C-alpha atoms as a PDB file:
ATOM      1  CA  MET A   1      56.857  32.656  54.914  1.00  0.00           C
ATOM      2  CA  ALA A   2      60.161  33.011  53.033  1.00  0.00           C
ATOM      3  CA  ALA A   3      63.331  33.116  55.098  1.00  0.00           C
ATOM      4  CA  GLU A   4      65.235  36.372  55.286  1.00  0.00           C
ATOM      5  CA  PRO A   5      68.178  36.471  52.844  1.00  0.00           C
ATOM      6  CA  ILE A   6      71.704  36.150  54.234  1.00  0.00           C
ATOM      7  CA  LYS A   7      73.283  39.597  54.190  1.00  0.00           C
ATOM      8  CA  VAL A   8      76.738  39.535  52.575  1.00  0.00           C
ATOM      9  CA  VAL A   9      79.669  41.953  52.389  1.00  0.00           C
ATOM     10  CA  VAL A  10      82.476  41.309  49.883  1.00  0.00           C
ATOM     11  CA  ASN A  11      85.995  42.323  50.938  1.00  0.00           C
ATOM     12  CA  GLY A  12      88.310  42.915  47.976  1.00  0.00           C
ATOM     13  CA  ALA A  13      85.355  43.656  45.727  1.00  0.00           C
ATOM     14  CA  LEU A  14      87.239  45.145  42.775  1.00  0.00           C
ATOM     15  CA  GLY A  15      89.803  42.377  42.364  1.00  0.00           C
ATOM     16  CA  LYS A  16      89.296  39.784  39.657  1.00  0.00           C
ATOM     17  CA  MET A  17      87.826  37.268  42.084  1.00  0.00           C
ATOM     18  CA  GLY A  18      86.011  39.971  44.026  1.00  0.00           C
ATOM     19  CA  ARG A  19      84.116  41.135  40.936  1.00  0.00           C
ATOM     20  CA  GLU A  20      83.017  37.563  40.234  1.00  0.00           C
ATOM     21  CA  VAL A  21      81.844  37.164  43.831  1.00  0.00           C
ATOM     22  CA  VAL A  22      79.873  40.431  43.733  1.00  0.00           C
ATOM     23  CA  SER A  23      78.109  39.318  40.549  1.00  0.00           C
ATOM     24  CA  ALA A  24      77.429  35.830  41.916  1.00  0.00           C
ATOM     25  CA  VAL A  25      75.984  37.099  45.207  1.00  0.00           C
ATOM     26  CA  CYS A  26      73.685  39.477  43.332  1.00  0.00           C
ATOM     27  CA  ASN A  27      72.326  36.559  41.315  1.00  0.00           C
ATOM     28  CA  GLU A  28      72.154  33.953  44.095  1.00  0.00           C
ATOM     29  CA  GLU A  29      68.798  33.187  45.679  1.00  0.00           C
ATOM     30  CA  GLY A  30      68.960  33.425  49.445  1.00  0.00           C
ATOM     31  CA  LEU A  31      71.849  35.915  49.495  1.00  0.00           C
ATOM     32  CA  GLN A  32      71.740  39.717  49.534  1.00  0.00           C
ATOM     33  CA  LEU A  33      74.749  41.947  48.849  1.00  0.00           C
ATOM     34  CA  VAL A  34      74.600  44.782  51.396  1.00  0.00           C
ATOM     35  CA  GLY A  35      78.083  46.323  51.117  1.00  0.00           C
ATOM     36  CA  VAL A  36      81.513  46.088  49.521  1.00  0.00           C
ATOM     37  CA  VAL A  37      85.052  46.913  50.597  1.00  0.00           C
ATOM     38  CA  GLU A  38      88.087  47.739  48.502  1.00  0.00           C
ATOM     39  CA  LEU A  39      91.350  49.287  49.704  1.00  0.00           C
ATOM     40  CA  LYS A  40      91.331  51.810  46.825  1.00  0.00           C
ATOM     41  CA  ALA A  41      87.677  52.840  47.183  1.00  0.00           C
ATOM     42  CA  THR A  42      87.147  56.459  46.112  1.00  0.00           C
ATOM     43  CA  GLN A  43      83.355  56.714  46.375  1.00  0.00           C
ATOM     44  CA  LYS A  44      80.638  55.999  48.932  1.00  0.00           C
ATOM     45  CA  GLN A  45      78.413  53.792  46.766  1.00  0.00           C
ATOM     46  CA  LEU A  46      79.078  51.054  44.229  1.00  0.00           C
ATOM     47  CA  GLN A  47      76.570  50.573  41.437  1.00  0.00           C
ATOM     48  CA  LEU A  48      75.574  46.988  40.799  1.00  0.00           C
ATOM     49  CA  LEU A  49      74.761  45.092  37.623  1.00  0.00           C
ATOM     50  CA  ASP A  50      71.739  47.004  36.365  1.00  0.00           C
ATOM     51  CA  ALA A  51      73.166  50.387  37.489  1.00  0.00           C
ATOM     52  CA  SER A  52      69.855  51.208  39.220  1.00  0.00           C
ATOM     53  CA  VAL A  53      70.913  49.663  42.539  1.00  0.00           C
ATOM     54  CA  SER A  54      73.949  50.554  44.614  1.00  0.00           C
ATOM     55  CA  VAL A  55      75.433  49.428  47.934  1.00  0.00           C
ATOM     56  CA  PRO A  56      77.689  51.138  50.480  1.00  0.00           C
ATOM     57  CA  PHE A  57      81.329  51.138  49.394  1.00  0.00           C
ATOM     58  CA  SER A  58      84.375  51.909  51.539  1.00  0.00           C
ATOM     59  CA  SER A  59      88.064  51.204  52.068  1.00  0.00           C
ATOM     60  CA  SER A  60      87.257  50.453  55.718  1.00  0.00           C
ATOM     61  CA  LEU A  61      85.822  47.058  56.611  1.00  0.00           C
ATOM     62  CA  GLU A  62      84.997  48.321  60.110  1.00  0.00           C
ATOM     63  CA  GLU A  63      82.903  51.119  58.606  1.00  0.00           C
ATOM     64  CA  ILE A  64      80.982  48.754  56.337  1.00  0.00           C
ATOM     65  CA  ILE A  65      80.345  46.260  59.149  1.00  0.00           C
ATOM     66  CA  GLY A  66      78.947  49.035  61.332  1.00  0.00           C
ATOM     67  CA  LYS A  67      76.793  50.452  58.544  1.00  0.00           C
ATOM     68  CA  CYS A  68      75.549  47.247  56.885  1.00  0.00           C
ATOM     69  CA  ARG A  69      75.392  44.693  59.733  1.00  0.00           C
ATOM     70  CA  PRO A  70      76.205  41.689  57.506  1.00  0.00           C
ATOM     71  CA  ASP A  71      75.715  38.036  58.404  1.00  0.00           C
ATOM     72  CA  VAL A  72      78.684  36.912  56.300  1.00  0.00           C
ATOM     73  CA  ILE A  73      81.837  38.523  54.916  1.00  0.00           C
ATOM     74  CA  ILE A  74      83.440  36.922  51.855  1.00  0.00           C
ATOM     75  CA  ASP A  75      87.145  37.751  51.630  1.00  0.00           C
ATOM     76  CA  PHE A  76      89.276  37.514  48.488  1.00  0.00           C
ATOM     77  CA  THR A  77      92.196  39.829  49.255  1.00  0.00           C
ATOM     78  CA  ILE A  78      95.746  38.955  50.340  1.00  0.00           C
ATOM     79  CA  ALA A  79      96.886  36.988  53.376  1.00  0.00           C
ATOM     80  CA  ALA A  80      97.726  39.942  55.635  1.00  0.00           C
ATOM     81  CA  ALA A  81      94.448  41.687  54.814  1.00  0.00           C
ATOM     82  CA  ALA A  82      92.475  38.473  55.308  1.00  0.00           C
ATOM     83  CA  VAL A  83      93.922  37.971  58.801  1.00  0.00           C
ATOM     84  CA  SER A  84      93.010  41.545  59.742  1.00  0.00           C
ATOM     85  CA  ALA A  85      89.538  41.123  58.213  1.00  0.00           C
ATOM     86  CA  SER A  86      88.970  37.885  60.108  1.00  0.00           C
ATOM     87  CA  HIS A  87      89.734  39.541  63.444  1.00  0.00           C
ATOM     88  CA  SER A  88      87.387  42.441  62.653  1.00  0.00           C
ATOM     89  CA  ALA A  89      84.594  40.134  61.491  1.00  0.00           C
ATOM     90  CA  ILE A  90      84.867  37.812  64.482  1.00  0.00           C
ATOM     91  CA  ARG A  91      85.019  40.727  66.933  1.00  0.00           C
ATOM     92  CA  HIS A  92      81.682  41.949  65.549  1.00  0.00           C
ATOM     93  CA  GLY A  93      80.137  38.455  65.513  1.00  0.00           C
ATOM     94  CA  VAL A  94      80.120  38.173  61.701  1.00  0.00           C
ATOM     95  CA  ASN A  95      80.677  34.833  59.944  1.00  0.00           C
ATOM     96  CA  LEU A  96      83.481  34.679  57.391  1.00  0.00           C
ATOM     97  CA  VAL A  97      84.345  32.885  54.159  1.00  0.00           C
ATOM     98  CA  ILE A  98      88.019  33.226  53.184  1.00  0.00           C
ATOM     99  CA  GLY A  99      89.206  32.356  49.687  1.00  0.00           C
ATOM    100  CA  THR A 100      92.531  34.096  50.160  1.00  0.00           C
ATOM    101  CA  THR A 101      95.522  31.740  50.327  1.00  0.00           C
ATOM    102  CA  GLY A 102      98.790  32.109  52.226  1.00  0.00           C
ATOM    103  CA  LEU A 103      97.493  32.078  55.816  1.00  0.00           C
ATOM    104  CA  ASN A 104      99.849  30.056  58.011  1.00  0.00           C
ATOM    105  CA  ALA A 105      99.029  27.441  60.634  1.00  0.00           C
ATOM    106  CA  VAL A 106      99.469  29.828  63.576  1.00  0.00           C
ATOM    107  CA  GLU A 107      97.127  32.377  62.020  1.00  0.00           C
ATOM    108  CA  LEU A 108      94.507  29.713  61.327  1.00  0.00           C
ATOM    109  CA  LEU A 109      94.685  28.380  64.889  1.00  0.00           C
ATOM    110  CA  GLU A 110      94.162  31.884  66.238  1.00  0.00           C
ATOM    111  CA  ILE A 111      91.197  32.465  63.902  1.00  0.00           C
ATOM    112  CA  ASP A 112      89.682  29.182  65.092  1.00  0.00           C
ATOM    113  CA  ARG A 113      90.158  30.121  68.756  1.00  0.00           C
ATOM    114  CA  LEU A 114      88.612  33.560  68.333  1.00  0.00           C
ATOM    115  CA  ALA A 115      85.701  32.225  66.274  1.00  0.00           C
ATOM    116  CA  ARG A 116      84.844  29.612  68.901  1.00  0.00           C
ATOM    117  CA  GLU A 117      84.993  32.227  71.640  1.00  0.00           C
ATOM    118  CA  LYS A 118      82.561  34.495  69.763  1.00  0.00           C
ATOM    119  CA  GLY A 119      80.378  31.654  68.448  1.00  0.00           C
ATOM    120  CA  VAL A 120      80.799  32.435  64.751  1.00  0.00           C
ATOM    121  CA  GLY A 121      81.747  30.286  61.771  1.00  0.00           C
ATOM    122  CA  VAL A 122      84.765  30.663  59.482  1.00  0.00           C
ATOM    123  CA  ILE A 123      85.348  28.660  56.310  1.00  0.00           C
ATOM    124  CA  VAL A 124      88.809  28.783  54.731  1.00  0.00           C
ATOM    125  CA  ALA A 125      89.379  26.954  51.447  1.00  0.00           C
ATOM    126  CA  ALA A 126      92.419  26.834  49.201  1.00  0.00           C
ATOM    127  CA  ASN A 127      90.133  26.248  46.217  1.00  0.00           C
ATOM    128  CA  PHE A 128      86.382  26.651  45.774  1.00  0.00           C
ATOM    129  CA  ALA A 129      86.142  24.910  42.374  1.00  0.00           C
ATOM    130  CA  LEU A 130      84.194  21.680  42.867  1.00  0.00           C
ATOM    131  CA  GLY A 131      86.420  19.886  40.339  1.00  0.00           C
ATOM    132  CA  ALA A 132      89.553  20.936  42.213  1.00  0.00           C
ATOM    133  CA  VAL A 133      88.043  19.697  45.479  1.00  0.00           C
ATOM    134  CA  MET A 134      87.369  16.336  43.819  1.00  0.00           C
ATOM    135  CA  MET A 135      90.947  16.275  42.461  1.00  0.00           C
ATOM    136  CA  MET A 136      92.304  16.710  45.976  1.00  0.00           C
ATOM    137  CA  HIS A 137      89.953  14.064  47.333  1.00  0.00           C
ATOM    138  CA  LEU A 138      90.970  11.529  44.683  1.00  0.00           C
ATOM    139  CA  ALA A 139      94.662  12.312  45.235  1.00  0.00           C
ATOM    140  CA  LYS A 140      94.163  11.635  48.939  1.00  0.00           C
ATOM    141  CA  ILE A 141      92.652   8.221  48.174  1.00  0.00           C
ATOM    142  CA  ALA A 142      95.412   7.314  45.701  1.00  0.00           C
ATOM    143  CA  ALA A 143      98.162   8.433  48.077  1.00  0.00           C
ATOM    144  CA  ARG A 144      97.575   5.381  50.263  1.00  0.00           C
ATOM    145  CA  HIS A 145      98.598   3.081  47.402  1.00  0.00           C
ATOM    146  CA  PHE A 146     101.589   4.881  45.815  1.00  0.00           C
ATOM    147  CA  ASP A 147     104.940   5.647  47.402  1.00  0.00           C
ATOM    148  CA  CYS A 148     106.075   8.396  45.014  1.00  0.00           C
ATOM    149  CA  ALA A 149     104.251  11.576  44.010  1.00  0.00           C
ATOM    150  CA  GLU A 150     104.863  14.985  42.493  1.00  0.00           C
ATOM    151  CA  ILE A 151     102.625  17.985  41.832  1.00  0.00           C
ATOM    152  CA  ILE A 152     102.807  20.447  38.932  1.00  0.00           C
ATOM    153  CA  GLU A 153     100.782  23.608  39.513  1.00  0.00           C
ATOM    154  CA  GLN A 154     100.393  26.313  36.874  1.00  0.00           C
ATOM    155  CA  HIS A 155      98.929  29.780  37.307  1.00  0.00           C
ATOM    156  CA  HIS A 156      98.838  33.204  35.677  1.00  0.00           C
ATOM    157  CA  GLU A 157     101.923  35.373  36.039  1.00  0.00           C
ATOM    158  CA  LYS A 158     100.312  37.733  38.590  1.00  0.00           C
ATOM    159  CA  LYS A 159      99.623  35.092  41.228  1.00  0.00           C
ATOM    160  CA  ALA A 160     101.520  36.242  44.296  1.00  0.00           C
ATOM    161  CA  ASP A 161     102.100  33.045  46.276  1.00  0.00           C
ATOM    162  CA  THR A 162     104.300  30.115  45.223  1.00  0.00           C
ATOM    163  CA  PRO A 163     103.613  27.248  45.551  1.00  0.00           C
ATOM    164  CA  SER A 164      99.853  27.691  45.337  1.00  0.00           C
ATOM    165  CA  GLY A 165      97.633  27.116  48.343  1.00  0.00           C
ATOM    166  CA  THR A 166      95.861  24.355  46.426  1.00  0.00           C
ATOM    167  CA  SER A 167      99.080  22.418  45.805  1.00  0.00           C
ATOM    168  CA  LEU A 168     100.193  22.721  49.423  1.00  0.00           C
ATOM    169  CA  THR A 169      96.760  21.623  50.638  1.00  0.00           C
ATOM    170  CA  THR A 170      96.821  18.683  48.217  1.00  0.00           C
ATOM    171  CA  ALA A 171     100.208  17.554  49.518  1.00  0.00           C
ATOM    172  CA  ARG A 172      99.025  17.903  53.119  1.00  0.00           C
ATOM    173  CA  LEU A 173      95.906  15.814  52.485  1.00  0.00           C
ATOM    174  CA  MET A 174      97.915  13.131  50.703  1.00  0.00           C
ATOM    175  CA  LEU A 175     100.395  12.921  53.577  1.00  0.00           C
ATOM    176  CA  GLU A 176      97.614  12.728  56.150  1.00  0.00           C
ATOM    177  CA  ALA A 177      96.084   9.816  54.229  1.00  0.00           C
ATOM    178  CA  ARG A 178      99.432   7.938  54.169  1.00  0.00           C
ATOM    179  CA  ASN A 179     100.536   8.941  57.655  1.00  0.00           C
ATOM    180  CA  LYS A 180     104.149   8.797  56.422  1.00  0.00           C
ATOM    181  CA  PRO A 181     106.357  10.706  53.950  1.00  0.00           C
ATOM    182  CA  PHE A 182     106.551   9.803  50.270  1.00  0.00           C
ATOM    183  CA  LYS A 183     109.732   8.317  48.865  1.00  0.00           C
ATOM    184  CA  GLN A 184     111.796  10.842  46.949  1.00  0.00           C
ATOM    185  CA  PRO A 185     114.315  10.127  44.163  1.00  0.00           C
ATOM    186  CA  PRO A 186     117.986  10.919  44.862  1.00  0.00           C
ATOM    187  CA  LYS A 187     118.807  14.616  44.697  1.00  0.00           C
ATOM    188  CA  PRO A 188     120.935  15.845  41.771  1.00  0.00           C
ATOM    189  CA  GLU A 189     124.675  15.848  42.402  1.00  0.00           C
ATOM    190  CA  SER A 190     124.584  19.634  42.193  1.00  0.00           C
ATOM    191  CA  GLY A 191     122.331  19.655  45.262  1.00  0.00           C
ATOM    192  CA  GLU A 192     119.842  21.936  43.520  1.00  0.00           C
ATOM    193  CA  SER A 193     116.186  21.618  44.422  1.00  0.00           C
ATOM    194  CA  ARG A 194     113.742  20.006  41.989  1.00  0.00           C
ATOM    195  CA  GLY A 195     110.892  21.991  43.505  1.00  0.00           C
ATOM    196  CA  LYS A 196     109.502  22.679  46.959  1.00  0.00           C
ATOM    197  CA  ASP A 197     109.770  19.482  48.970  1.00  0.00           C
ATOM    198  CA  VAL A 198     106.787  18.657  51.185  1.00  0.00           C
ATOM    199  CA  GLU A 199     107.772  15.418  52.938  1.00  0.00           C
ATOM    200  CA  GLY A 200     108.779  13.714  49.719  1.00  0.00           C
ATOM    201  CA  VAL A 201     106.294  15.456  47.395  1.00  0.00           C
ATOM    202  CA  SER A 202     108.066  17.844  45.006  1.00  0.00           C
ATOM    203  CA  ILE A 203     105.821  20.749  43.984  1.00  0.00           C
ATOM    204  CA  HIS A 204     106.760  22.471  40.717  1.00  0.00           C
ATOM    205  CA  SER A 205     105.309  25.934  40.061  1.00  0.00           C
ATOM    206  CA  VAL A 206     104.725  27.565  36.665  1.00  0.00           C
ATOM    207  CA  ARG A 207     103.756  31.243  36.305  1.00  0.00           C
ATOM    208  CA  LEU A 208     102.902  32.331  32.743  1.00  0.00           C
ATOM    209  CA  PRO A 209     100.449  34.599  30.932  1.00  0.00           C
ATOM    210  CA  GLY A 210      97.752  32.655  29.130  1.00  0.00           C
ATOM    211  CA  ILE A 211      97.160  30.309  32.068  1.00  0.00           C
ATOM    212  CA  LEU A 212      94.471  30.761  34.694  1.00  0.00           C
ATOM    213  CA  ALA A 213      94.921  27.708  36.954  1.00  0.00           C
ATOM    214  CA  ARG A 214      95.917  24.085  36.397  1.00  0.00           C
ATOM    215  CA  GLN A 215      97.132  21.360  38.689  1.00  0.00           C
ATOM    216  CA  GLU A 216      98.290  17.826  38.028  1.00  0.00           C
ATOM    217  CA  VAL A 217      99.090  15.261  40.698  1.00  0.00           C
ATOM    218  CA  ILE A 218     101.299  12.454  39.363  1.00  0.00           C
ATOM    219  CA  LEU A 219     101.742   9.291  41.406  1.00  0.00           C
ATOM    220  CA  GLY A 220     104.248   6.637  40.380  1.00  0.00           C
ATOM    221  CA  ALA A 221     104.950   2.977  41.073  1.00  0.00           C
ATOM    222  CA  ALA A 222     106.871   0.245  39.267  1.00  0.00           C
ATOM    223  CA  GLY A 223     105.639   0.086  35.676  1.00  0.00           C
ATOM    224  CA  GLN A 224     102.843   2.659  36.025  1.00  0.00           C
ATOM    225  CA  THR A 225     101.811   6.235  36.778  1.00  0.00           C
ATOM    226  CA  LEU A 226      98.497   7.756  37.759  1.00  0.00           C
ATOM    227  CA  SER A 227      97.705  11.379  36.831  1.00  0.00           C
ATOM    228  CA  ILE A 228      94.881  13.392  38.388  1.00  0.00           C
ATOM    229  CA  LYS A 229      94.441  16.761  36.700  1.00  0.00           C
ATOM    230  CA  HIS A 230      92.143  19.763  37.002  1.00  0.00           C
ATOM    231  CA  ASP A 231      91.942  22.762  34.643  1.00  0.00           C
ATOM    232  CA  THR A 232      90.339  26.092  35.455  1.00  0.00           C
ATOM    233  CA  VAL A 233      89.361  28.054  32.352  1.00  0.00           C
ATOM    234  CA  SER A 234      87.162  30.716  33.982  1.00  0.00           C
ATOM    235  CA  ARG A 235      86.814  32.173  37.471  1.00  0.00           C
ATOM    236  CA  GLU A 236      83.085  31.503  37.406  1.00  0.00           C
ATOM    237  CA  CYS A 237      83.897  27.867  38.263  1.00  0.00           C
ATOM    238  CA  TYR A 238      84.658  28.988  41.835  1.00  0.00           C
ATOM    239  CA  MET A 239      81.300  30.638  42.422  1.00  0.00           C
ATOM    240  CA  PRO A 240      79.077  27.609  43.234  1.00  0.00           C
ATOM    241  CA  GLY A 241      81.545  26.656  45.969  1.00  0.00           C
ATOM    242  CA  VAL A 242      81.730  30.211  47.337  1.00  0.00           C
ATOM    243  CA  MET A 243      77.943  30.525  47.379  1.00  0.00           C
ATOM    244  CA  LEU A 244      77.616  27.170  49.156  1.00  0.00           C
ATOM    245  CA  ALA A 245      80.133  28.296  51.783  1.00  0.00           C
ATOM    246  CA  ALA A 246      78.312  31.618  52.321  1.00  0.00           C
ATOM    247  CA  LYS A 247      75.086  29.754  53.035  1.00  0.00           C
ATOM    248  CA  GLU A 248      76.626  27.025  55.189  1.00  0.00           C
ATOM    249  CA  VAL A 249      79.029  29.071  57.324  1.00  0.00           C
ATOM    250  CA  ILE A 250      76.208  30.503  59.446  1.00  0.00           C
ATOM    251  CA  ARG A 251      75.382  26.954  60.604  1.00  0.00           C
ATOM    252  CA  HIS A 252      78.843  26.320  62.059  1.00  0.00           C
ATOM    253  CA  ARG A 253      81.052  27.530  64.897  1.00  0.00           C
ATOM    254  CA  GLY A 254      84.813  27.761  64.678  1.00  0.00           C
ATOM    255  CA  LEU A 255      87.078  27.157  61.700  1.00  0.00           C
ATOM    256  CA  ILE A 256      86.348  24.735  58.860  1.00  0.00           C
ATOM    257  CA  ARG A 257      89.242  24.091  56.482  1.00  0.00           C
ATOM    258  CA  GLY A 258      88.329  23.021  52.969  1.00  0.00           C
ATOM    259  CA  LEU A 259      85.161  22.776  50.938  1.00  0.00           C
ATOM    260  CA  ASP A 260      85.339  18.977  51.142  1.00  0.00           C
ATOM    261  CA  ASN A 261      83.979  19.212  54.695  1.00  0.00           C
ATOM    262  CA  LEU A 262      80.790  20.780  53.333  1.00  0.00           C
ATOM    263  CA  LEU A 263      80.437  18.196  50.577  1.00  0.00           C
ATOM    264  CA  GLY A 264      80.663  15.149  52.807  1.00  0.00           C
ATOM    265  CA  LEU A 265      83.890  13.887  51.218  1.00  0.00           C
END
């Protein structure tokens, strides 16, 4: 007998990432889209791909949770909305996958505490692209053997947060692997910053039209450099990771940070 599909609600369904997630859930075996949420919703139903099927649509996540009884909520909104959504989801015993960046350490600790109390799972990832996850993993390995490193992250001009969540997560993972700060070159005489300093790692941010997402980690030592780079050319690259998280989150309790923990890296 086939297992019941995992019932999914998408929060932020009409954003660029939200639309991709809605499409991916509709086409993913084992998942069933049962409702969608968007702050600017003006109708009660949202028609899906073939226009013959629709799901409940609302600006209120609480309303959709009560009406649709989802197993998992996938959130691609903004940080403040994601924190509010996480509290609502956990309060109702619903598992949560958060792709929104910008949540701080205090907010994540509170989400973890609440999730453990209610016995639900939450997965938060700075990047769901499998190639980006591998980039971060390789940078973490290399960080043990190089004393100097910088990160250049490039995104489209409408990306709200700077530096990106991926670059900050990369720097954090590299520092954890070293267990000490990187060496940083002398600051310019003017005292001006060369980028956001994260314990010796300078992160340089580029925001331009024509770019979706790119990141390069450059590590240096005497007589050599090592570059680890990932390019995103389409948002569909995130969907396998999001779908994996939606299926795996129901098996866990508390907060999991990063897709690498689901991939055994």
